[in-house]
Each structure stands twice: as structure tokens, then as C-alpha cells.
Amino acid sequence: MNGRPLSLTRPSVRNGEPEPFRHVIDVYRHRDQTITCVCGWHGSCAATATGGSDWTTHLNQFRTKRK
């Protein structure tokens, strides 16, 4: 190694604005095809007739604009 310790913390935001809350998988159950989000939402990750899933719909509800 190069002697620098690895940082386990996130880098600080340079513009001073807090980062938006990220909806990420907390628990995934492959056999049941279900996901629990860190926000507490629970639903299916199986594809629906429209091609998406309940999980995709949940993510799209909270998606923010890219900078």
C-alpha cells in the first residue's frame, strides 16, 4: 500500500448543499423477489406487464434532476 489509510467516510460536499436522501436497497429477498428500501418502503422487484417494477416506480418517484 502507499501508506495512506482508506477513508470510510463520504467526501464532503463542496458547494455546501446537503446531499439528497438516496433510496437504496436495505433488504433483498431473491426467492420472493421483494425489496425493502432504507426509507421503509417494501415491494416487489419483479417485472410488471409494462416492463418496470414496483421498485423502479418507487425510485422514479424520488429521482432528482442531475446537475
N, C-alpha and C. Protein backbone atom coordinates (compact mmCIF):
# COMPACT_ATOMS: atom_id res chain seq x y z
N MET A 1 0.83 -1.18 0.00
CA MET A 1 0.00 0.00 0.00
C MET A 1 0.88 1.24 0.00
N ASN A 2 0.26 2.36 -0.24
CA ASN A 2 1.03 3.60 -0.33
C ASN A 2 1.14 4.35 0.99
N GLY A 3 0.67 3.74 2.08
CA GLY A 3 0.80 4.38 3.38
C GLY A 3 -0.36 5.27 3.77
N ARG A 4 -1.28 5.58 2.83
CA ARG A 4 -2.44 6.40 3.16
C ARG A 4 -3.56 5.50 3.66
N PRO A 5 -4.17 5.80 4.79
CA PRO A 5 -5.28 4.98 5.27
C PRO A 5 -6.51 5.20 4.39
N LEU A 6 -7.28 4.16 4.23
CA LEU A 6 -8.52 4.28 3.47
C LEU A 6 -9.55 5.03 4.30
N SER A 7 -10.27 5.92 3.68
CA SER A 7 -11.31 6.67 4.37
C SER A 7 -12.62 5.93 4.25
N LEU A 8 -13.30 5.74 5.36
CA LEU A 8 -14.60 5.07 5.35
C LEU A 8 -15.74 6.07 5.38
N THR A 9 -15.43 7.35 5.33
CA THR A 9 -16.46 8.37 5.33
C THR A 9 -16.61 8.93 3.91
N ARG A 10 -17.78 9.49 3.65
CA ARG A 10 -18.04 10.08 2.35
C ARG A 10 -17.31 11.41 2.24
N PRO A 11 -16.86 11.77 1.04
CA PRO A 11 -16.24 13.08 0.88
C PRO A 11 -17.25 14.19 1.14
N SER A 12 -16.79 15.31 1.65
CA SER A 12 -17.70 16.41 1.94
C SER A 12 -18.21 17.03 0.64
N VAL A 13 -19.40 17.58 0.71
CA VAL A 13 -19.99 18.26 -0.44
C VAL A 13 -19.30 19.61 -0.59
N ARG A 14 -18.81 19.88 -1.76
CA ARG A 14 -18.02 21.09 -1.98
C ARG A 14 -18.85 22.37 -2.02
N ASN A 15 -20.10 22.29 -2.48
CA ASN A 15 -20.89 23.51 -2.62
C ASN A 15 -21.68 23.85 -1.36
N GLY A 16 -21.55 23.05 -0.29
CA GLY A 16 -22.21 23.36 0.97
C GLY A 16 -23.63 22.86 1.06
N GLU A 17 -24.22 22.36 -0.04
CA GLU A 17 -25.58 21.86 0.00
C GLU A 17 -25.57 20.41 0.48
N PRO A 18 -26.53 20.04 1.31
CA PRO A 18 -26.58 18.64 1.75
C PRO A 18 -26.96 17.74 0.58
N GLU A 19 -26.45 16.52 0.60
CA GLU A 19 -26.80 15.57 -0.45
C GLU A 19 -28.24 15.13 -0.26
N PRO A 20 -28.96 14.90 -1.36
CA PRO A 20 -30.34 14.42 -1.23
C PRO A 20 -30.33 12.99 -0.67
N PHE A 21 -31.40 12.64 0.03
CA PHE A 21 -31.54 11.29 0.56
C PHE A 21 -31.57 10.30 -0.59
N ARG A 22 -30.82 9.23 -0.48
CA ARG A 22 -30.78 8.23 -1.54
C ARG A 22 -31.60 7.02 -1.14
N HIS A 23 -32.47 6.59 -2.03
CA HIS A 23 -33.27 5.40 -1.81
C HIS A 23 -32.49 4.21 -2.34
N VAL A 24 -32.01 3.40 -1.43
CA VAL A 24 -31.21 2.23 -1.79
C VAL A 24 -31.77 0.99 -1.09
N ILE A 25 -31.40 -0.16 -1.61
CA ILE A 25 -31.89 -1.43 -1.09
C ILE A 25 -31.28 -1.69 0.28
N ASP A 26 -32.15 -1.95 1.25
CA ASP A 26 -31.71 -2.35 2.58
C ASP A 26 -31.75 -3.87 2.70
N VAL A 27 -32.85 -4.49 2.24
CA VAL A 27 -33.00 -5.95 2.28
C VAL A 27 -33.53 -6.40 0.93
N TYR A 28 -32.89 -7.43 0.38
CA TYR A 28 -33.34 -8.01 -0.90
C TYR A 28 -33.57 -9.50 -0.68
N ARG A 29 -34.73 -9.97 -1.05
CA ARG A 29 -35.05 -11.40 -0.93
C ARG A 29 -35.27 -11.95 -2.34
N HIS A 30 -34.26 -12.68 -2.82
CA HIS A 30 -34.26 -13.18 -4.19
C HIS A 30 -35.42 -14.13 -4.46
N ARG A 31 -35.63 -15.08 -3.57
CA ARG A 31 -36.69 -16.08 -3.79
C ARG A 31 -38.06 -15.43 -3.89
N ASP A 32 -38.32 -14.46 -3.02
CA ASP A 32 -39.62 -13.77 -3.00
C ASP A 32 -39.69 -12.62 -4.00
N GLN A 33 -38.55 -12.20 -4.53
CA GLN A 33 -38.44 -11.05 -5.42
C GLN A 33 -39.00 -9.79 -4.76
N THR A 34 -38.57 -9.56 -3.52
CA THR A 34 -39.01 -8.37 -2.80
C THR A 34 -37.81 -7.56 -2.34
N ILE A 35 -38.04 -6.27 -2.17
CA ILE A 35 -37.02 -5.32 -1.74
C ILE A 35 -37.59 -4.48 -0.61
N THR A 36 -36.75 -4.20 0.37
CA THR A 36 -37.08 -3.22 1.40
C THR A 36 -36.06 -2.09 1.26
N CYS A 37 -36.56 -0.87 1.10
CA CYS A 37 -35.72 0.31 0.94
C CYS A 37 -35.30 0.82 2.32
N VAL A 38 -34.22 1.59 2.36
CA VAL A 38 -33.77 2.17 3.63
C VAL A 38 -34.81 3.13 4.21
N CYS A 39 -35.73 3.64 3.39
CA CYS A 39 -36.77 4.55 3.87
C CYS A 39 -37.95 3.80 4.49
N GLY A 40 -37.96 2.45 4.35
CA GLY A 40 -39.05 1.66 4.91
C GLY A 40 -40.01 1.11 3.87
N TRP A 41 -39.95 1.61 2.64
CA TRP A 41 -40.82 1.11 1.58
C TRP A 41 -40.52 -0.36 1.35
N HIS A 42 -41.55 -1.16 1.08
CA HIS A 42 -41.38 -2.58 0.80
C HIS A 42 -42.25 -2.94 -0.39
N GLY A 43 -41.67 -3.64 -1.37
CA GLY A 43 -42.44 -4.02 -2.54
C GLY A 43 -41.69 -5.00 -3.41
N SER A 44 -42.24 -5.24 -4.58
CA SER A 44 -41.73 -6.24 -5.49
C SER A 44 -40.69 -5.65 -6.44
N CYS A 45 -39.73 -6.51 -6.81
CA CYS A 45 -38.77 -6.11 -7.83
C CYS A 45 -39.00 -6.92 -9.11
N ALA A 46 -40.09 -7.70 -9.13
CA ALA A 46 -40.42 -8.48 -10.32
C ALA A 46 -40.96 -7.56 -11.41
N ALA A 47 -40.64 -7.85 -12.65
CA ALA A 47 -41.10 -7.04 -13.78
C ALA A 47 -42.61 -7.15 -13.92
N THR A 48 -43.23 -6.02 -14.24
CA THR A 48 -44.67 -5.98 -14.49
C THR A 48 -44.92 -6.05 -15.98
N ALA A 49 -46.18 -6.00 -16.38
CA ALA A 49 -46.54 -6.05 -17.79
C ALA A 49 -45.96 -4.87 -18.57
N THR A 50 -45.73 -3.74 -17.89
CA THR A 50 -45.19 -2.56 -18.56
C THR A 50 -43.67 -2.60 -18.67
N GLY A 51 -43.05 -3.62 -18.06
CA GLY A 51 -41.61 -3.77 -18.17
C GLY A 51 -40.84 -3.26 -16.97
N GLY A 52 -41.46 -2.44 -16.15
CA GLY A 52 -40.79 -1.94 -14.95
C GLY A 52 -41.12 -2.81 -13.76
N SER A 53 -40.90 -2.28 -12.57
CA SER A 53 -41.26 -2.99 -11.35
C SER A 53 -41.72 -1.97 -10.33
N ASP A 54 -42.28 -2.47 -9.23
CA ASP A 54 -42.68 -1.56 -8.15
C ASP A 54 -41.47 -0.79 -7.63
N TRP A 55 -40.31 -1.47 -7.57
CA TRP A 55 -39.07 -0.83 -7.12
C TRP A 55 -38.68 0.31 -8.05
N THR A 56 -38.76 0.09 -9.36
CA THR A 56 -38.42 1.14 -10.33
C THR A 56 -39.36 2.33 -10.17
N THR A 57 -40.64 2.06 -9.97
CA THR A 57 -41.62 3.12 -9.76
C THR A 57 -41.27 3.92 -8.51
N HIS A 58 -40.90 3.22 -7.43
CA HIS A 58 -40.52 3.89 -6.18
C HIS A 58 -39.32 4.80 -6.41
N LEU A 59 -38.31 4.30 -7.11
CA LEU A 59 -37.12 5.12 -7.37
C LEU A 59 -37.46 6.34 -8.21
N ASN A 60 -38.30 6.16 -9.22
CA ASN A 60 -38.66 7.27 -10.11
C ASN A 60 -39.44 8.35 -9.37
N GLN A 61 -40.19 7.99 -8.33
CA GLN A 61 -40.94 8.98 -7.56
C GLN A 61 -40.01 9.96 -6.85
N PHE A 62 -38.82 9.50 -6.49
CA PHE A 62 -37.91 10.32 -5.71
C PHE A 62 -36.67 10.74 -6.47
N ARG A 63 -36.62 10.49 -7.77
CA ARG A 63 -35.46 10.84 -8.57
C ARG A 63 -35.32 12.35 -8.65
N THR A 64 -34.11 12.83 -8.47
CA THR A 64 -33.85 14.27 -8.56
C THR A 64 -33.18 14.58 -9.88
N LYS A 65 -33.21 15.84 -10.27
CA LYS A 65 -32.56 16.25 -11.51
C LYS A 65 -31.06 16.13 -11.37
N ARG A 66 -30.43 15.69 -12.44
CA ARG A 66 -28.97 15.64 -12.45
C ARG A 66 -28.42 17.03 -12.72
N LYS A 67 -27.28 17.30 -12.12
CA LYS A 67 -26.68 18.63 -12.29
C LYS A 67 -25.85 18.70 -13.54
